[in-house]
Amino acid sequence: YGSVAADPLVAERAALKRRLLALRDGKRVEVGAGKDRVIIPASVDDLAAAYEAEPGATIVAGATDVGLWVTKFMRDLGPLIFVSHLSELHRIEEGGTALKLGASVSYNEATAALVKRYPQMEQFWSRIGGEQVRNMGTIGGNIANGSPIGDMPPALIALDARVTLRSLEGVREFPLEAFFIDYGKQDRQRHEFVESISVPTLPEDAQFAVYKITKRRDEDITAVLGAFYLRLDGDNSVAEIRLAYGGMAGIPKRAANVESALLGNNWTEANVKAAAAELATDFSPLSDWRASADYRLLAARNLLTRFYLKSQGEEAELVRFAAAGGRS
């Protein structure tokens, strides 16, 4: 038997490494032409220049969603601009007032920082896709695609997150909820791309929760998702509230009428149930194979009730009861 050192693959490894490192010359890589063109920008600045020149191109990071556009719908996506290699878009900045996530930060890359700051998201986080999806899927991609059943937007909207868009002309930052205009339409010019998301630190007196309803417990697409943020005054009246839902409209959307019914009033079960009736004016959900419209409205009301129970310390008992199969 030959030695390991004599293995041709081992012998050429050092030379191969040198050749690969030599390719990292700080220049853009382009392959193909026309719709078959693939662009690999050298930096975020170069990405802005490439997207200015090719505003109809498809930006690809993890491809957990975009890949399905090809395999399921046979869509022509070219030209393509790949961005997953750009270190600037993988930055995680933990400031005192906010957590800033680059658009190409994957779910698993963000886990430690997000769960540390928002421990209420831990159980929800493990239900976003499977391990492979969380390794490749990006938070910025989940936002940029604008899906009404994307998992991240409702949670981030409830936390009052802001999105930063980048172009060759500069940056534009605004509340994430304003990014979603209508189904398939976002507040993004053709030459702009999502650069980062900034999530404010949760105040000590705030309460927050995210709940996801699916047909299967794990690795399933959302039917209804509810994200809830609440701050109370000293007299138990609602000082600040944001209730954001996914799967209830053509975009991730806040329940504005429910919020108005609760704001300034006492945080009581009776008031919460009365305000929940306004969900029917906030949303007109559709029926599809994941859930009927009636089920979605019922689930949305029940999730709000669950959040109220959590705020009263009763959710733990509710979960134990359900785990026991409804036996007390």
C-alpha atoms as a PDB file:
ATOM      1  CA  TYR A   1       0.000   0.000   0.000  1.00  0.00           C
ATOM      2  CA  GLY A   2       1.212   3.509  -0.761  1.00  0.00           C
ATOM      3  CA  SER A   3       1.580   6.217   1.844  1.00  0.00           C
ATOM      4  CA  VAL A   4      -0.924   9.013   2.298  1.00  0.00           C
ATOM      5  CA  ALA A   5       1.704  11.483   1.144  1.00  0.00           C
ATOM      6  CA  ALA A   6       1.966   9.619  -2.149  1.00  0.00           C
ATOM      7  CA  ASP A   7      -1.751   9.985  -2.859  1.00  0.00           C
ATOM      8  CA  PRO A   8      -1.998  12.196  -5.982  1.00  0.00           C
ATOM      9  CA  LEU A   9      -4.891  14.171  -4.466  1.00  0.00           C
ATOM     10  CA  VAL A  10      -2.847  14.933  -1.368  1.00  0.00           C
ATOM     11  CA  ALA A  11       0.245  15.728  -3.380  1.00  0.00           C
ATOM     12  CA  GLU A  12      -1.511  18.314  -5.510  1.00  0.00           C
ATOM     13  CA  ARG A  13      -3.590  19.835  -2.707  1.00  0.00           C
ATOM     14  CA  ALA A  14      -1.138  22.612  -1.868  1.00  0.00           C
ATOM     15  CA  ALA A  15      -0.808  23.580  -5.527  1.00  0.00           C
ATOM     16  CA  LEU A  16      -4.588  23.517  -5.947  1.00  0.00           C
ATOM     17  CA  LYS A  17      -5.023  25.782  -2.937  1.00  0.00           C
ATOM     18  CA  ARG A  18      -2.560  28.276  -4.392  1.00  0.00           C
ATOM     19  CA  ARG A  19      -4.405  28.257  -7.718  1.00  0.00           C
ATOM     20  CA  LEU A  20      -7.767  28.827  -5.999  1.00  0.00           C
ATOM     21  CA  LEU A  21      -6.405  31.663  -3.850  1.00  0.00           C
ATOM     22  CA  ALA A  22      -4.979  33.279  -6.960  1.00  0.00           C
ATOM     23  CA  LEU A  23      -8.515  33.507  -8.350  1.00  0.00           C
ATOM     24  CA  ARG A  24      -9.451  35.780  -5.434  1.00  0.00           C
ATOM     25  CA  ASP A  25      -8.219  38.882  -7.210  1.00  0.00           C
ATOM     26  CA  GLY A  26     -10.989  41.292  -6.166  1.00  0.00           C
ATOM     27  CA  LYS A  27     -12.532  41.316  -9.619  1.00  0.00           C
ATOM     28  CA  ARG A  28     -16.027  40.478 -10.810  1.00  0.00           C
ATOM     29  CA  VAL A  29     -16.584  37.101 -12.444  1.00  0.00           C
ATOM     30  CA  GLU A  30     -18.963  36.822 -15.395  1.00  0.00           C
ATOM     31  CA  VAL A  31     -19.881  33.688 -17.300  1.00  0.00           C
ATOM     32  CA  GLY A  32     -22.153  33.297 -20.325  1.00  0.00           C
ATOM     33  CA  ALA A  33     -24.180  35.847 -22.235  1.00  0.00           C
ATOM     34  CA  GLY A  34     -27.716  37.183 -22.448  1.00  0.00           C
ATOM     35  CA  LYS A  35     -30.202  35.368 -20.224  1.00  0.00           C
ATOM     36  CA  ASP A  36     -27.600  32.677 -19.594  1.00  0.00           C
ATOM     37  CA  ARG A  37     -25.278  35.230 -18.023  1.00  0.00           C
ATOM     38  CA  VAL A  38     -24.057  34.616 -14.465  1.00  0.00           C
ATOM     39  CA  ILE A  39     -22.559  37.526 -12.529  1.00  0.00           C
ATOM     40  CA  ILE A  40     -20.519  37.064  -9.341  1.00  0.00           C
ATOM     41  CA  PRO A  41     -19.806  40.584  -8.013  1.00  0.00           C
ATOM     42  CA  ALA A  42     -16.571  41.331  -6.176  1.00  0.00           C
ATOM     43  CA  SER A  43     -18.171  43.435  -3.427  1.00  0.00           C
ATOM     44  CA  VAL A  44     -21.428  45.058  -2.372  1.00  0.00           C
ATOM     45  CA  ASP A  45     -20.402  48.180  -4.297  1.00  0.00           C
ATOM     46  CA  ASP A  46     -19.845  46.003  -7.346  1.00  0.00           C
ATOM     47  CA  LEU A  47     -23.218  44.330  -6.740  1.00  0.00           C
ATOM     48  CA  ALA A  48     -24.863  47.762  -6.835  1.00  0.00           C
ATOM     49  CA  ALA A  49     -23.105  48.522 -10.128  1.00  0.00           C
ATOM     50  CA  ALA A  50     -24.026  45.142 -11.619  1.00  0.00           C
ATOM     51  CA  TYR A  51     -27.678  45.486 -10.600  1.00  0.00           C
ATOM     52  CA  GLU A  52     -27.808  49.021 -12.006  1.00  0.00           C
ATOM     53  CA  ALA A  53     -26.665  47.628 -15.339  1.00  0.00           C
ATOM     54  CA  GLU A  54     -28.943  44.545 -15.133  1.00  0.00           C
ATOM     55  CA  PRO A  55     -32.023  45.594 -13.088  1.00  0.00           C
ATOM     56  CA  GLY A  56     -33.995  42.670 -14.494  1.00  0.00           C
ATOM     57  CA  ALA A  57     -31.524  40.118 -13.159  1.00  0.00           C
ATOM     58  CA  THR A  58     -32.433  37.712 -10.360  1.00  0.00           C
ATOM     59  CA  ILE A  59     -30.365  38.051  -7.187  1.00  0.00           C
ATOM     60  CA  VAL A  60     -29.652  34.643  -5.678  1.00  0.00           C
ATOM     61  CA  ALA A  61     -28.359  33.884  -2.187  1.00  0.00           C
ATOM     62  CA  GLY A  62     -29.571  30.620  -0.620  1.00  0.00           C
ATOM     63  CA  ALA A  63     -32.030  29.783  -3.451  1.00  0.00           C
ATOM     64  CA  THR A  64     -34.374  27.929  -1.059  1.00  0.00           C
ATOM     65  CA  ASP A  65     -37.269  29.860  -2.594  1.00  0.00           C
ATOM     66  CA  VAL A  66     -35.876  31.049  -5.935  1.00  0.00           C
ATOM     67  CA  GLY A  67     -34.787  27.505  -6.752  1.00  0.00           C
ATOM     68  CA  LEU A  68     -38.417  26.408  -6.632  1.00  0.00           C
ATOM     69  CA  TRP A  69     -39.314  29.023  -9.247  1.00  0.00           C
ATOM     70  CA  VAL A  70     -37.271  26.882 -11.653  1.00  0.00           C
ATOM     71  CA  THR A  71     -38.096  23.360 -10.472  1.00  0.00           C
ATOM     72  CA  LYS A  72     -41.829  23.961  -9.892  1.00  0.00           C
ATOM     73  CA  PHE A  73     -42.761  26.752 -12.307  1.00  0.00           C
ATOM     74  CA  MET A  74     -40.053  26.400 -14.985  1.00  0.00           C
ATOM     75  CA  ARG A  75     -39.351  30.129 -14.819  1.00  0.00           C
ATOM     76  CA  ASP A  76     -36.485  31.698 -16.723  1.00  0.00           C
ATOM     77  CA  LEU A  77     -34.518  33.642 -14.101  1.00  0.00           C
ATOM     78  CA  GLY A  78     -31.503  34.832 -16.063  1.00  0.00           C
ATOM     79  CA  PRO A  79     -29.344  36.760 -15.899  1.00  0.00           C
ATOM     80  CA  LEU A  80     -28.364  35.686 -12.375  1.00  0.00           C
ATOM     81  CA  ILE A  81     -26.379  37.629  -9.770  1.00  0.00           C
ATOM     82  CA  PHE A  82     -24.976  35.444  -6.992  1.00  0.00           C
ATOM     83  CA  VAL A  83     -24.373  37.175  -3.649  1.00  0.00           C
ATOM     84  CA  SER A  84     -23.872  34.446  -1.024  1.00  0.00           C
ATOM     85  CA  HIS A  85     -20.071  34.885  -1.116  1.00  0.00           C
ATOM     86  CA  LEU A  86     -20.167  38.597  -0.182  1.00  0.00           C
ATOM     87  CA  SER A  87     -18.883  38.880   3.387  1.00  0.00           C
ATOM     88  CA  GLU A  88     -20.428  42.341   3.804  1.00  0.00           C
ATOM     89  CA  LEU A  89     -23.898  40.808   3.510  1.00  0.00           C
ATOM     90  CA  HIS A  90     -23.097  38.215   6.201  1.00  0.00           C
ATOM     91  CA  ARG A  91     -22.343  40.749   8.926  1.00  0.00           C
ATOM     92  CA  ILE A  92     -24.114  40.548  12.275  1.00  0.00           C
ATOM     93  CA  GLU A  93     -23.745  43.722  14.337  1.00  0.00           C
ATOM     94  CA  GLU A  94     -24.955  43.599  17.933  1.00  0.00           C
ATOM     95  CA  GLY A  95     -25.380  47.211  19.021  1.00  0.00           C
ATOM     96  CA  GLY A  96     -26.904  48.468  22.232  1.00  0.00           C
ATOM     97  CA  THR A  97     -30.131  49.645  20.637  1.00  0.00           C
ATOM     98  CA  ALA A  98     -30.520  47.242  17.724  1.00  0.00           C
ATOM     99  CA  LEU A  99     -29.387  44.020  16.092  1.00  0.00           C
ATOM    100  CA  LYS A 100     -28.318  44.518  12.477  1.00  0.00           C
ATOM    101  CA  LEU A 101     -28.361  41.544  10.113  1.00  0.00           C
ATOM    102  CA  GLY A 102     -26.871  41.554   6.636  1.00  0.00           C
ATOM    103  CA  ALA A 103     -29.276  40.363   3.959  1.00  0.00           C
ATOM    104  CA  SER A 104     -27.340  37.141   3.274  1.00  0.00           C
ATOM    105  CA  VAL A 105     -27.193  36.050   6.913  1.00  0.00           C
ATOM    106  CA  SER A 106     -28.735  32.583   7.012  1.00  0.00           C
ATOM    107  CA  TYR A 107     -31.256  31.474   9.611  1.00  0.00           C
ATOM    108  CA  ASN A 108     -28.659  29.335  11.358  1.00  0.00           C
ATOM    109  CA  GLU A 109     -26.057  32.114  11.273  1.00  0.00           C
ATOM    110  CA  ALA A 110     -28.560  34.425  12.969  1.00  0.00           C
ATOM    111  CA  THR A 111     -29.752  31.930  15.580  1.00  0.00           C
ATOM    112  CA  ALA A 112     -27.375  32.752  18.433  1.00  0.00           C
ATOM    113  CA  ALA A 113     -27.783  36.525  18.200  1.00  0.00           C
ATOM    114  CA  LEU A 114     -31.547  36.462  17.673  1.00  0.00           C
ATOM    115  CA  VAL A 115     -32.375  33.948  20.390  1.00  0.00           C
ATOM    116  CA  LYS A 116     -30.116  35.743  22.863  1.00  0.00           C
ATOM    117  CA  ARG A 117     -31.928  39.036  22.319  1.00  0.00           C
ATOM    118  CA  TYR A 118     -35.395  37.599  21.704  1.00  0.00           C
ATOM    119  CA  PRO A 119     -35.632  34.282  23.597  1.00  0.00           C
ATOM    120  CA  GLN A 120     -39.365  34.260  22.816  1.00  0.00           C
ATOM    121  CA  MET A 121     -38.406  33.261  19.244  1.00  0.00           C
ATOM    122  CA  GLU A 122     -36.524  30.079  20.164  1.00  0.00           C
ATOM    123  CA  GLN A 123     -39.333  27.548  19.647  1.00  0.00           C
ATOM    124  CA  PHE A 124     -40.600  29.350  16.558  1.00  0.00           C
ATOM    125  CA  TRP A 125     -37.086  29.485  15.088  1.00  0.00           C
ATOM    126  CA  SER A 126     -36.718  25.709  15.048  1.00  0.00           C
ATOM    127  CA  ARG A 127     -39.910  25.428  12.971  1.00  0.00           C
ATOM    128  CA  ILE A 128     -38.624  27.497  10.046  1.00  0.00           C
ATOM    129  CA  GLY A 129     -38.074  24.883   7.358  1.00  0.00           C
ATOM    130  CA  GLY A 130     -35.636  22.068   8.101  1.00  0.00           C
ATOM    131  CA  GLU A 131     -31.961  22.112   8.997  1.00  0.00           C
ATOM    132  CA  GLN A 132     -30.933  22.285   5.341  1.00  0.00           C
ATOM    133  CA  VAL A 133     -33.229  25.260   4.704  1.00  0.00           C
ATOM    134  CA  ARG A 134     -31.980  27.067   7.802  1.00  0.00           C
ATOM    135  CA  ASN A 135     -28.394  26.501   6.670  1.00  0.00           C
ATOM    136  CA  MET A 136     -28.958  28.023   3.228  1.00  0.00           C
ATOM    137  CA  GLY A 137     -32.035  30.232   3.454  1.00  0.00           C
ATOM    138  CA  THR A 138     -31.386  33.908   4.184  1.00  0.00           C
ATOM    139  CA  ILE A 139     -33.373  36.416   6.182  1.00  0.00           C
ATOM    140  CA  GLY A 140     -32.924  39.068   3.511  1.00  0.00           C
ATOM    141  CA  GLY A 141     -34.201  36.706   0.837  1.00  0.00           C
ATOM    142  CA  ASN A 142     -37.265  35.847   2.902  1.00  0.00           C
ATOM    143  CA  ILE A 143     -38.043  39.566   3.055  1.00  0.00           C
ATOM    144  CA  ALA A 144     -37.115  40.515  -0.517  1.00  0.00           C
ATOM    145  CA  ASN A 145     -39.291  37.801  -2.075  1.00  0.00           C
ATOM    146  CA  GLY A 146     -42.337  39.356  -0.397  1.00  0.00           C
ATOM    147  CA  SER A 147     -44.228  36.117   0.171  1.00  0.00           C
ATOM    148  CA  PRO A 148     -47.435  36.563   2.211  1.00  0.00           C
ATOM    149  CA  ILE A 149     -46.544  33.372   4.109  1.00  0.00           C
ATOM    150  CA  GLY A 150     -42.874  34.165   4.742  1.00  0.00           C
ATOM    151  CA  ASP A 151     -42.006  33.355   8.343  1.00  0.00           C
ATOM    152  CA  MET A 152     -39.723  36.268   9.195  1.00  0.00           C
ATOM    153  CA  PRO A 153     -41.639  39.431   8.155  1.00  0.00           C
ATOM    154  CA  PRO A 154     -44.503  39.268  10.726  1.00  0.00           C
ATOM    155  CA  ALA A 155     -42.066  38.687  13.601  1.00  0.00           C
ATOM    156  CA  LEU A 156     -39.791  41.500  12.446  1.00  0.00           C
ATOM    157  CA  ILE A 157     -42.707  43.871  11.836  1.00  0.00           C
ATOM    158  CA  ALA A 158     -44.001  43.235  15.366  1.00  0.00           C
ATOM    159  CA  LEU A 159     -40.515  44.112  16.639  1.00  0.00           C
ATOM    160  CA  ASP A 160     -40.585  47.364  14.604  1.00  0.00           C
ATOM    161  CA  ALA A 161     -37.653  46.361  12.393  1.00  0.00           C
ATOM    162  CA  ARG A 162     -36.297  48.594   9.651  1.00  0.00           C
ATOM    163  CA  VAL A 163     -34.995  47.554   6.241  1.00  0.00           C
ATOM    164  CA  THR A 164     -32.113  49.145   4.345  1.00  0.00           C
ATOM    165  CA  LEU A 165     -32.165  49.106   0.548  1.00  0.00           C
ATOM    166  CA  ARG A 166     -28.995  49.718  -1.441  1.00  0.00           C
ATOM    167  CA  SER A 167     -28.354  50.954  -4.959  1.00  0.00           C
ATOM    168  CA  LEU A 168     -25.616  52.693  -6.888  1.00  0.00           C
ATOM    169  CA  GLU A 169     -27.212  55.981  -5.792  1.00  0.00           C
ATOM    170  CA  GLY A 170     -26.942  55.226  -2.078  1.00  0.00           C
ATOM    171  CA  VAL A 171     -29.077  53.700   0.680  1.00  0.00           C
ATOM    172  CA  ARG A 172     -32.681  54.069   1.762  1.00  0.00           C
ATOM    173  CA  GLU A 173     -33.907  52.957   5.197  1.00  0.00           C
ATOM    174  CA  PHE A 174     -37.520  52.769   6.408  1.00  0.00           C
ATOM    175  CA  PRO A 175     -39.860  50.602   8.528  1.00  0.00           C
ATOM    176  CA  LEU A 176     -40.082  47.051   7.258  1.00  0.00           C
ATOM    177  CA  GLU A 177     -43.884  47.038   7.273  1.00  0.00           C
ATOM    178  CA  ALA A 178     -43.847  49.817   4.638  1.00  0.00           C
ATOM    179  CA  PHE A 179     -41.757  47.615   2.330  1.00  0.00           C
ATOM    180  CA  PHE A 180     -44.773  45.404   1.556  1.00  0.00           C
ATOM    181  CA  ILE A 181     -47.316  47.214  -0.627  1.00  0.00           C
ATOM    182  CA  ASP A 182     -49.444  44.524  -2.277  1.00  0.00           C
ATOM    183  CA  TYR A 183     -49.149  40.913  -3.366  1.00  0.00           C
ATOM    184  CA  GLY A 184     -45.972  40.648  -5.427  1.00  0.00           C
ATOM    185  CA  LYS A 185     -45.248  44.368  -5.018  1.00  0.00           C
ATOM    186  CA  GLN A 186     -42.694  45.923  -2.669  1.00  0.00           C
ATOM    187  CA  ASP A 187     -41.388  49.433  -2.157  1.00  0.00           C
ATOM    188  CA  ARG A 188     -38.186  48.722  -4.068  1.00  0.00           C
ATOM    189  CA  GLN A 189     -36.945  50.387  -7.212  1.00  0.00           C
ATOM    190  CA  ARG A 190     -35.720  48.115 -10.004  1.00  0.00           C
ATOM    191  CA  HIS A 191     -32.075  48.859  -9.193  1.00  0.00           C
ATOM    192  CA  GLU A 192     -32.399  48.506  -5.383  1.00  0.00           C
ATOM    193  CA  PHE A 193     -31.671  45.389  -3.334  1.00  0.00           C
ATOM    194  CA  VAL A 194     -32.107  44.529   0.345  1.00  0.00           C
ATOM    195  CA  GLU A 195     -28.802  45.182   2.121  1.00  0.00           C
ATOM    196  CA  SER A 196     -29.655  44.707   5.819  1.00  0.00           C
ATOM    197  CA  ILE A 197     -32.352  44.541   8.474  1.00  0.00           C
ATOM    198  CA  SER A 198     -32.151  46.364  11.810  1.00  0.00           C
ATOM    199  CA  VAL A 199     -34.153  44.967  14.747  1.00  0.00           C
ATOM    200  CA  PRO A 200     -34.578  47.171  17.848  1.00  0.00           C
ATOM    201  CA  THR A 201     -33.691  45.806  21.248  1.00  0.00           C
ATOM    202  CA  LEU A 202     -36.780  44.638  23.141  1.00  0.00           C
ATOM    203  CA  PRO A 203     -37.610  47.007  26.041  1.00  0.00           C
ATOM    204  CA  GLU A 204     -37.545  45.375  29.468  1.00  0.00           C
ATOM    205  CA  ASP A 205     -41.237  46.085  30.022  1.00  0.00           C
ATOM    206  CA  ALA A 206     -42.329  44.720  26.629  1.00  0.00           C
ATOM    207  CA  GLN A 207     -43.945  41.360  25.948  1.00  0.00           C
ATOM    208  CA  PHE A 208     -43.433  39.522  22.676  1.00  0.00           C
ATOM    209  CA  ALA A 209     -44.432  36.192  21.119  1.00  0.00           C
ATOM    210  CA  VAL A 210     -44.561  34.458  17.728  1.00  0.00           C
ATOM    211  CA  TYR A 211     -46.860  31.535  16.894  1.00  0.00           C
ATOM    212  CA  LYS A 212     -46.910  29.477  13.700  1.00  0.00           C
ATOM    213  CA  ILE A 213     -49.819  27.301  12.541  1.00  0.00           C
ATOM    214  CA  THR A 214     -49.103  24.545   9.994  1.00  0.00           C
ATOM    215  CA  LYS A 215     -50.607  21.266   8.846  1.00  0.00           C
ATOM    216  CA  ARG A 216     -47.488  19.432  10.107  1.00  0.00           C
ATOM    217  CA  ARG A 217     -45.596  20.266  13.276  1.00  0.00           C
ATOM    218  CA  ASP A 218     -42.179  20.546  11.607  1.00  0.00           C
ATOM    219  CA  GLU A 219     -40.769  21.521   8.222  1.00  0.00           C
ATOM    220  CA  ASP A 220     -44.031  22.874   6.843  1.00  0.00           C
ATOM    221  CA  ILE A 221     -45.215  26.059   5.182  1.00  0.00           C
ATOM    222  CA  THR A 222     -47.235  28.486   7.279  1.00  0.00           C
ATOM    223  CA  ALA A 223     -51.022  28.570   7.159  1.00  0.00           C
ATOM    224  CA  VAL A 224     -51.305  31.382   9.719  1.00  0.00           C
ATOM    225  CA  LEU A 225     -48.549  33.118  11.644  1.00  0.00           C
ATOM    226  CA  GLY A 226     -49.102  35.650  14.406  1.00  0.00           C
ATOM    227  CA  ALA A 227     -46.490  37.925  15.992  1.00  0.00           C
ATOM    228  CA  PHE A 228     -47.422  40.044  19.012  1.00  0.00           C
ATOM    229  CA  TYR A 229     -45.713  42.949  20.784  1.00  0.00           C
ATOM    230  CA  LEU A 230     -47.178  44.650  23.848  1.00  0.00           C
ATOM    231  CA  ARG A 231     -46.238  47.287  26.415  1.00  0.00           C
ATOM    232  CA  LEU A 232     -48.529  48.180  29.288  1.00  0.00           C
ATOM    233  CA  ASP A 233     -48.777  51.318  31.423  1.00  0.00           C
ATOM    234  CA  GLY A 234     -48.658  51.082  35.176  1.00  0.00           C
ATOM    235  CA  ASP A 235     -52.461  50.972  35.315  1.00  0.00           C
ATOM    236  CA  ASN A 236     -52.620  47.903  33.004  1.00  0.00           C
ATOM    237  CA  SER A 237     -53.700  49.902  29.974  1.00  0.00           C
ATOM    238  CA  VAL A 238     -52.147  49.256  26.552  1.00  0.00           C
ATOM    239  CA  ALA A 239     -49.404  51.795  25.890  1.00  0.00           C
ATOM    240  CA  GLU A 240     -47.998  50.232  22.708  1.00  0.00           C
ATOM    241  CA  ILE A 241     -49.104  47.276  20.618  1.00  0.00           C
ATOM    242  CA  ARG A 242     -48.203  45.706  17.283  1.00  0.00           C
ATOM    243  CA  LEU A 243     -50.028  42.642  15.983  1.00  0.00           C
ATOM    244  CA  ALA A 244     -48.641  41.295  12.706  1.00  0.00           C
ATOM    245  CA  TYR A 245     -49.968  38.321  10.772  1.00  0.00           C
ATOM    246  CA  GLY A 246     -48.808  36.189   7.873  1.00  0.00           C
ATOM    247  CA  GLY A 247     -51.096  34.058   5.710  1.00  0.00           C
ATOM    248  CA  MET A 248     -54.024  36.417   6.252  1.00  0.00           C
ATOM    249  CA  ALA A 249     -53.564  38.795   3.308  1.00  0.00           C
ATOM    250  CA  GLY A 250     -51.542  39.251   0.138  1.00  0.00           C
ATOM    251  CA  ILE A 251     -48.724  40.670   2.274  1.00  0.00           C
ATOM    252  CA  PRO A 252     -47.549  40.308   5.876  1.00  0.00           C
ATOM    253  CA  LYS A 253     -49.746  42.865   7.583  1.00  0.00           C
ATOM    254  CA  ARG A 254     -50.603  44.427  10.927  1.00  0.00           C
ATOM    255  CA  ALA A 255     -54.096  44.124  12.402  1.00  0.00           C
ATOM    256  CA  ALA A 256     -54.586  47.894  12.550  1.00  0.00           C
ATOM    257  CA  ASN A 257     -58.227  47.885  13.665  1.00  0.00           C
ATOM    258  CA  VAL A 258     -57.569  45.383  16.441  1.00  0.00           C
ATOM    259  CA  GLU A 259     -54.639  47.483  17.626  1.00  0.00           C
ATOM    260  CA  SER A 260     -56.805  50.630  17.657  1.00  0.00           C
ATOM    261  CA  ALA A 261     -59.494  48.838  19.655  1.00  0.00           C
ATOM    262  CA  LEU A 262     -56.933  47.843  22.294  1.00  0.00           C
ATOM    263  CA  LEU A 263     -54.667  50.898  22.458  1.00  0.00           C
ATOM    264  CA  GLY A 264     -55.287  52.950  25.601  1.00  0.00           C
ATOM    265  CA  ASN A 265     -57.755  50.429  27.039  1.00  0.00           C
ATOM    266  CA  ASN A 266     -57.237  47.982  29.872  1.00  0.00           C
ATOM    267  CA  TRP A 267     -55.513  44.736  28.929  1.00  0.00           C
ATOM    268  CA  THR A 268     -58.286  42.350  29.963  1.00  0.00           C
ATOM    269  CA  GLU A 269     -59.684  39.165  28.504  1.00  0.00           C
ATOM    270  CA  ALA A 270     -63.006  40.843  27.759  1.00  0.00           C
ATOM    271  CA  ASN A 271     -61.342  43.699  25.884  1.00  0.00           C
ATOM    272  CA  VAL A 272     -59.073  41.330  23.956  1.00  0.00           C
ATOM    273  CA  LYS A 273     -62.016  39.176  22.855  1.00  0.00           C
ATOM    274  CA  ALA A 274     -64.014  42.247  21.829  1.00  0.00           C
ATOM    275  CA  ALA A 275     -61.090  43.650  19.848  1.00  0.00           C
ATOM    276  CA  ALA A 276     -60.476  40.283  18.161  1.00  0.00           C
ATOM    277  CA  ALA A 277     -63.783  40.699  16.337  1.00  0.00           C
ATOM    278  CA  GLU A 278     -62.059  43.457  14.326  1.00  0.00           C
ATOM    279  CA  LEU A 279     -59.846  40.864  12.656  1.00  0.00           C
ATOM    280  CA  ALA A 280     -62.673  40.357  10.152  1.00  0.00           C
ATOM    281  CA  THR A 281     -62.331  44.009   9.126  1.00  0.00           C
ATOM    282  CA  ASP A 282     -58.527  43.891   9.024  1.00  0.00           C
ATOM    283  CA  PHE A 283     -58.313  40.756   6.889  1.00  0.00           C
ATOM    284  CA  SER A 284     -60.194  38.910   4.155  1.00  0.00           C
ATOM    285  CA  PRO A 285     -58.116  35.727   3.938  1.00  0.00           C
ATOM    286  CA  LEU A 286     -58.423  33.297   1.067  1.00  0.00           C
ATOM    287  CA  SER A 287     -59.140  29.594   1.162  1.00  0.00           C
ATOM    288  CA  ASP A 288     -56.540  27.217  -0.219  1.00  0.00           C
ATOM    289  CA  TRP A 289     -55.232  23.708   0.435  1.00  0.00           C
ATOM    290  CA  ARG A 290     -53.440  24.888   3.590  1.00  0.00           C
ATOM    291  CA  ALA A 291     -56.523  26.333   5.306  1.00  0.00           C
ATOM    292  CA  SER A 292     -59.963  27.793   4.670  1.00  0.00           C
ATOM    293  CA  ALA A 293     -60.696  31.486   5.147  1.00  0.00           C
ATOM    294  CA  ASP A 294     -62.899  30.721   8.167  1.00  0.00           C
ATOM    295  CA  TYR A 295     -60.187  28.609   9.747  1.00  0.00           C
ATOM    296  CA  ARG A 296     -57.611  31.367   9.250  1.00  0.00           C
ATOM    297  CA  LEU A 297     -59.825  33.959  10.960  1.00  0.00           C
ATOM    298  CA  LEU A 298     -60.541  31.568  13.827  1.00  0.00           C
ATOM    299  CA  ALA A 299     -56.853  30.722  14.206  1.00  0.00           C
ATOM    300  CA  ALA A 300     -55.904  34.409  14.149  1.00  0.00           C
ATOM    301  CA  ARG A 301     -58.365  35.118  16.981  1.00  0.00           C
ATOM    302  CA  ASN A 302     -57.139  32.136  18.965  1.00  0.00           C
ATOM    303  CA  LEU A 303     -53.507  33.173  18.609  1.00  0.00           C
ATOM    304  CA  LEU A 304     -54.365  36.587  20.018  1.00  0.00           C
ATOM    305  CA  THR A 305     -56.110  34.866  22.933  1.00  0.00           C
ATOM    306  CA  ARG A 306     -53.051  32.681  23.431  1.00  0.00           C
ATOM    307  CA  PHE A 307     -50.865  35.776  23.607  1.00  0.00           C
ATOM    308  CA  TYR A 308     -53.177  37.256  26.213  1.00  0.00           C
ATOM    309  CA  LEU A 309     -52.927  34.055  28.272  1.00  0.00           C
ATOM    310  CA  LYS A 310     -49.152  34.181  27.965  1.00  0.00           C
ATOM    311  CA  SER A 311     -49.144  37.756  29.238  1.00  0.00           C
ATOM    312  CA  GLN A 312     -51.065  36.543  32.288  1.00  0.00           C
ATOM    313  CA  GLY A 313     -48.691  33.639  32.886  1.00  0.00           C
ATOM    314  CA  GLU A 314     -51.347  31.096  31.901  1.00  0.00           C
ATOM    315  CA  GLU A 315     -49.843  29.807  28.654  1.00  0.00           C
ATOM    316  CA  ALA A 316     -47.515  27.335  30.389  1.00  0.00           C
ATOM    317  CA  GLU A 317     -50.507  25.606  31.960  1.00  0.00           C
ATOM    318  CA  LEU A 318     -52.279  25.607  28.583  1.00  0.00           C
ATOM    319  CA  VAL A 319     -49.279  23.936  26.920  1.00  0.00           C
ATOM    320  CA  ARG A 320     -49.017  21.297  29.672  1.00  0.00           C
ATOM    321  CA  PHE A 321     -52.727  20.548  29.292  1.00  0.00           C
ATOM    322  CA  ALA A 322     -52.385  20.112  25.518  1.00  0.00           C
ATOM    323  CA  ALA A 323     -49.306  17.912  25.940  1.00  0.00           C
ATOM    324  CA  ALA A 324     -51.287  15.652  28.234  1.00  0.00           C
ATOM    325  CA  GLY A 325     -53.864  15.145  25.496  1.00  0.00           C
ATOM    326  CA  GLY A 326     -56.388  17.471  27.096  1.00  0.00           C
ATOM    327  CA  ARG A 327     -56.348  15.644  30.422  1.00  0.00           C
ATOM    328  CA  SER A 328     -56.005  17.773  33.515  1.00  0.00           C
END
